[in-house]
Amino acid sequence: GVLPASLATLLGEAVERGVSLAVVAGPSGAGKTTLLSALLESLPAATRRIHIRGCYEPFDFWREPEPPETETILLVNEISAHLPVYLWGPGVRRVLQAGLAGYHLAATAHAFSAQEFVASLAGYPLRVPLAEIAALELVVALDAWRDRAEVSREVREVTALQATGQGLTSRELAIRPHRGAPMRLDRAGWEELLARPG
């Protein structure tokens, strides 16, 4: 399957506790949105969902510096410059700053790994500060490849991000050494992530 049951349980618990996350993959059609939608089924029923309207988002919901009155998640269909309905430019920082102010975040993006995802936000042209990128606490990297006539998919790695002063640290919480290999879990890392104040 795309992810083993043990990892699905841990990711579901993280979403339920309000951990912000991004699902990334290199190729288009890898299943980023499908996987993210499945993970979001673990959200508490009372969670308010706000769909960010890409470059057209006016951010009317956010009255800085007040935190949201109810548990609220901002849903970004893709962080990308490809289409106006995707989030790019100054709006990316606005969403991440909202995450630091108390909103939960869920997004997809094109990247092969957490490291590449962070570099795409921190580099030109966005130049997002590393500490703000860490508002997305979890990066789930999805792998997809063509196997004969079918497309195979599996989660390749799950990485936790955490702000440290002006930077961030990353820790691999789950990784497959190669395609089809069993997933290796860092249980202590998961416990630490799930113990973070929400």
Protein backbone atom coordinates (compact mmCIF):
# COMPACT_ATOMS: atom_id res chain seq x y z
CA GLY A 1 0.00 0.00 0.00
CA VAL A 2 0.87 3.67 -0.04
CA LEU A 3 1.71 3.58 3.66
CA PRO A 4 1.79 0.85 6.31
CA ALA A 5 -0.95 0.72 8.94
CA SER A 6 1.46 1.68 11.73
CA LEU A 7 2.46 4.88 9.92
CA ALA A 8 -1.15 5.65 8.97
CA THR A 9 -2.08 5.48 12.66
CA LEU A 10 0.76 7.82 13.67
CA LEU A 11 -0.06 10.33 10.93
CA GLY A 12 -3.75 10.20 11.85
CA GLU A 13 -2.90 10.92 15.47
CA ALA A 14 -0.69 13.83 14.43
CA VAL A 15 -3.49 15.35 12.32
CA GLU A 16 -6.00 14.83 15.13
CA ARG A 17 -3.68 16.72 17.51
CA GLY A 18 -3.39 19.65 15.12
CA VAL A 19 0.09 19.05 13.71
CA SER A 20 0.53 21.11 10.52
CA LEU A 21 1.78 19.18 7.52
CA ALA A 22 2.68 19.20 3.86
CA VAL A 23 2.46 16.26 1.46
CA VAL A 24 5.10 16.54 -1.27
CA ALA A 25 6.02 14.56 -4.38
CA GLY A 26 8.16 15.20 -7.42
CA PRO A 27 5.94 14.16 -10.33
CA SER A 28 2.47 15.48 -11.08
CA GLY A 29 -0.31 12.97 -10.52
CA ALA A 30 1.57 11.21 -7.72
CA GLY A 31 -1.43 11.38 -5.41
CA LYS A 32 -0.47 14.23 -3.06
CA THR A 33 -3.99 15.63 -2.76
CA THR A 34 -5.54 12.17 -2.42
CA LEU A 35 -3.18 11.26 0.43
CA LEU A 36 -3.64 14.60 2.18
CA SER A 37 -7.43 14.31 1.92
CA ALA A 38 -7.28 10.83 3.46
CA LEU A 39 -5.13 12.09 6.35
CA LEU A 40 -7.49 15.01 6.99
CA GLU A 41 -10.27 12.55 7.77
CA SER A 42 -8.63 12.34 11.22
CA LEU A 43 -9.43 16.00 11.95
CA PRO A 44 -11.86 16.54 14.84
CA ALA A 45 -15.38 17.12 13.46
CA ALA A 46 -15.58 20.62 14.95
CA THR A 47 -12.48 21.85 13.12
CA ARG A 48 -13.20 24.84 10.88
CA ARG A 49 -11.74 24.40 7.39
CA ILE A 50 -10.66 27.41 5.33
CA HIS A 51 -9.63 26.75 1.72
CA ILE A 52 -6.93 29.21 0.68
CA ARG A 53 -7.73 30.64 -2.77
CA GLY A 54 -4.21 30.74 -4.11
CA CYS A 55 -2.99 34.11 -5.37
CA TYR A 56 -6.53 35.49 -4.93
CA GLU A 57 -6.65 34.88 -1.16
CA PRO A 58 -7.52 38.13 0.72
CA PHE A 59 -6.78 36.64 4.18
CA ASP A 60 -9.96 38.19 5.57
CA PHE A 61 -10.16 35.42 8.17
CA TRP A 62 -7.00 36.54 9.92
CA ARG A 63 -6.99 39.52 12.24
CA GLU A 64 -3.43 39.53 13.49
CA PRO A 65 -2.36 39.04 16.21
CA GLU A 66 -5.54 37.40 17.52
CA PRO A 67 -5.41 33.58 17.49
CA PRO A 68 -8.36 31.71 15.98
CA GLU A 69 -11.30 31.35 18.35
CA THR A 70 -11.93 27.74 17.30
CA GLU A 71 -9.63 25.04 15.96
CA THR A 72 -9.09 26.16 12.37
CA ILE A 73 -7.09 24.59 9.56
CA LEU A 74 -5.96 26.44 6.45
CA LEU A 75 -6.01 24.15 3.40
CA VAL A 76 -3.61 24.97 0.57
CA ASN A 77 -4.23 22.85 -2.52
CA GLU A 78 -0.67 23.49 -3.75
CA ILE A 79 2.28 25.77 -3.02
CA SER A 80 3.35 26.48 -6.58
CA ALA A 81 3.71 29.20 -9.21
CA HIS A 82 2.09 27.00 -11.90
CA LEU A 83 -1.48 28.36 -11.69
CA PRO A 84 -3.13 31.41 -10.07
CA VAL A 85 -5.31 29.09 -7.97
CA TYR A 86 -2.13 27.79 -6.34
CA LEU A 87 -0.44 29.69 -3.53
CA TRP A 88 2.74 31.59 -4.39
CA GLY A 89 4.49 34.87 -3.66
CA PRO A 90 3.79 36.85 -0.46
CA GLY A 91 0.78 34.66 0.32
CA VAL A 92 3.07 31.75 1.20
CA ARG A 93 4.60 33.73 4.07
CA ARG A 94 1.17 34.95 5.19
CA VAL A 95 -0.06 31.37 5.50
CA LEU A 96 3.06 30.25 7.38
CA GLN A 97 2.81 33.25 9.72
CA ALA A 98 -0.84 32.35 10.35
CA GLY A 99 0.41 28.89 11.27
CA LEU A 100 2.78 30.37 13.81
CA ALA A 101 -0.12 32.47 15.17
CA GLY A 102 -2.22 29.40 15.98
CA TYR A 103 -3.87 28.22 12.77
CA HIS A 104 -3.25 24.63 11.66
CA LEU A 105 -1.94 24.16 8.12
CA ALA A 106 -2.22 21.47 5.46
CA ALA A 107 -0.68 21.80 2.00
CA THR A 108 0.78 19.99 -0.98
CA ALA A 109 3.84 20.91 -3.04
CA HIS A 110 6.21 19.56 -5.68
CA ALA A 111 9.41 18.26 -4.06
CA PHE A 112 11.12 14.90 -3.81
CA SER A 113 12.02 15.30 -0.13
CA ALA A 114 11.61 17.52 2.91
CA GLN A 115 15.06 18.96 2.24
CA GLU A 116 14.09 19.97 -1.31
CA PHE A 117 10.77 21.37 -0.07
CA VAL A 118 12.49 23.56 2.54
CA ALA A 119 15.03 24.72 -0.05
CA SER A 120 12.24 25.68 -2.49
CA LEU A 121 10.67 27.97 0.11
CA ALA A 122 13.89 29.35 1.57
CA GLY A 123 15.53 30.04 -1.80
CA TYR A 124 14.81 32.52 -4.58
CA PRO A 125 12.25 33.95 -5.20
CA LEU A 126 10.30 33.35 -1.97
CA ARG A 127 13.16 33.57 0.56
CA VAL A 128 10.95 32.47 3.46
CA PRO A 129 12.83 32.48 6.79
CA LEU A 130 13.58 28.95 7.98
CA ALA A 131 11.83 29.49 11.31
CA GLU A 132 8.61 30.32 9.43
CA ILE A 133 8.87 27.24 7.20
CA ALA A 134 8.86 25.16 10.40
CA ALA A 135 5.21 26.18 10.85
CA LEU A 136 4.71 23.10 8.66
CA GLU A 137 5.80 20.67 11.33
CA LEU A 138 5.61 17.51 9.25
CA VAL A 139 6.59 16.82 5.63
CA VAL A 140 5.30 13.59 4.08
CA ALA A 141 7.24 12.70 0.90
CA LEU A 142 5.33 10.52 -1.56
CA ASP A 143 7.10 8.49 -4.23
CA ALA A 144 5.40 7.49 -7.50
CA TRP A 145 6.77 5.56 -10.44
CA ARG A 146 5.51 3.61 -13.43
CA ASP A 147 5.69 -0.16 -12.98
CA ARG A 148 4.83 -1.70 -16.35
CA ALA A 149 1.33 -0.37 -17.15
CA GLU A 150 0.53 0.74 -13.60
CA VAL A 151 1.65 3.60 -11.38
CA SER A 152 3.02 2.49 -8.01
CA ARG A 153 2.94 4.84 -5.03
CA GLU A 154 4.32 4.74 -1.51
CA VAL A 155 5.32 7.15 1.22
CA ARG A 156 9.11 7.36 1.08
CA GLU A 157 9.83 9.47 4.14
CA VAL A 158 8.21 11.52 6.88
CA THR A 159 10.26 14.37 8.33
CA ALA A 160 9.57 16.56 11.35
CA LEU A 161 10.59 20.23 11.19
CA GLN A 162 11.15 22.39 14.25
CA ALA A 163 12.19 26.03 14.55
CA THR A 164 15.44 26.77 16.38
CA GLY A 165 15.98 30.51 16.78
CA GLN A 166 16.33 31.82 13.22
CA GLY A 167 16.70 28.36 11.67
CA LEU A 168 15.15 24.93 11.80
CA THR A 169 16.09 21.33 12.49
CA SER A 170 14.76 18.28 10.70
CA ARG A 171 14.37 14.71 11.92
CA GLU A 172 13.38 11.71 9.84
CA LEU A 173 10.49 10.01 11.65
CA ALA A 174 9.93 7.36 8.97
CA ILE A 175 11.98 6.31 5.97
CA ARG A 176 12.21 3.57 3.36
CA PRO A 177 15.84 2.82 2.39
CA HIS A 178 14.64 2.00 -1.16
CA ARG A 179 11.42 1.41 -3.10
CA GLY A 180 9.41 -1.47 -1.72
CA ALA A 181 11.49 -1.72 1.45
CA PRO A 182 9.82 -1.87 4.88
CA MET A 183 9.29 1.49 6.56
CA ARG A 184 11.65 2.28 9.45
CA LEU A 185 10.03 4.31 12.22
CA ASP A 186 11.74 6.56 14.77
CA ARG A 187 9.38 5.88 17.68
CA ALA A 188 11.11 8.34 20.02
CA GLY A 189 10.83 11.04 17.38
CA TRP A 190 7.10 10.40 16.98
CA GLU A 191 6.58 10.59 20.75
CA GLU A 192 8.41 13.92 20.80
CA LEU A 193 6.32 15.29 17.91
CA LEU A 194 3.02 14.20 19.43
CA ALA A 195 4.00 15.70 22.78
CA ARG A 196 4.51 19.19 21.31
CA PRO A 197 2.02 21.72 22.66
CA GLY A 198 -0.83 22.17 20.18
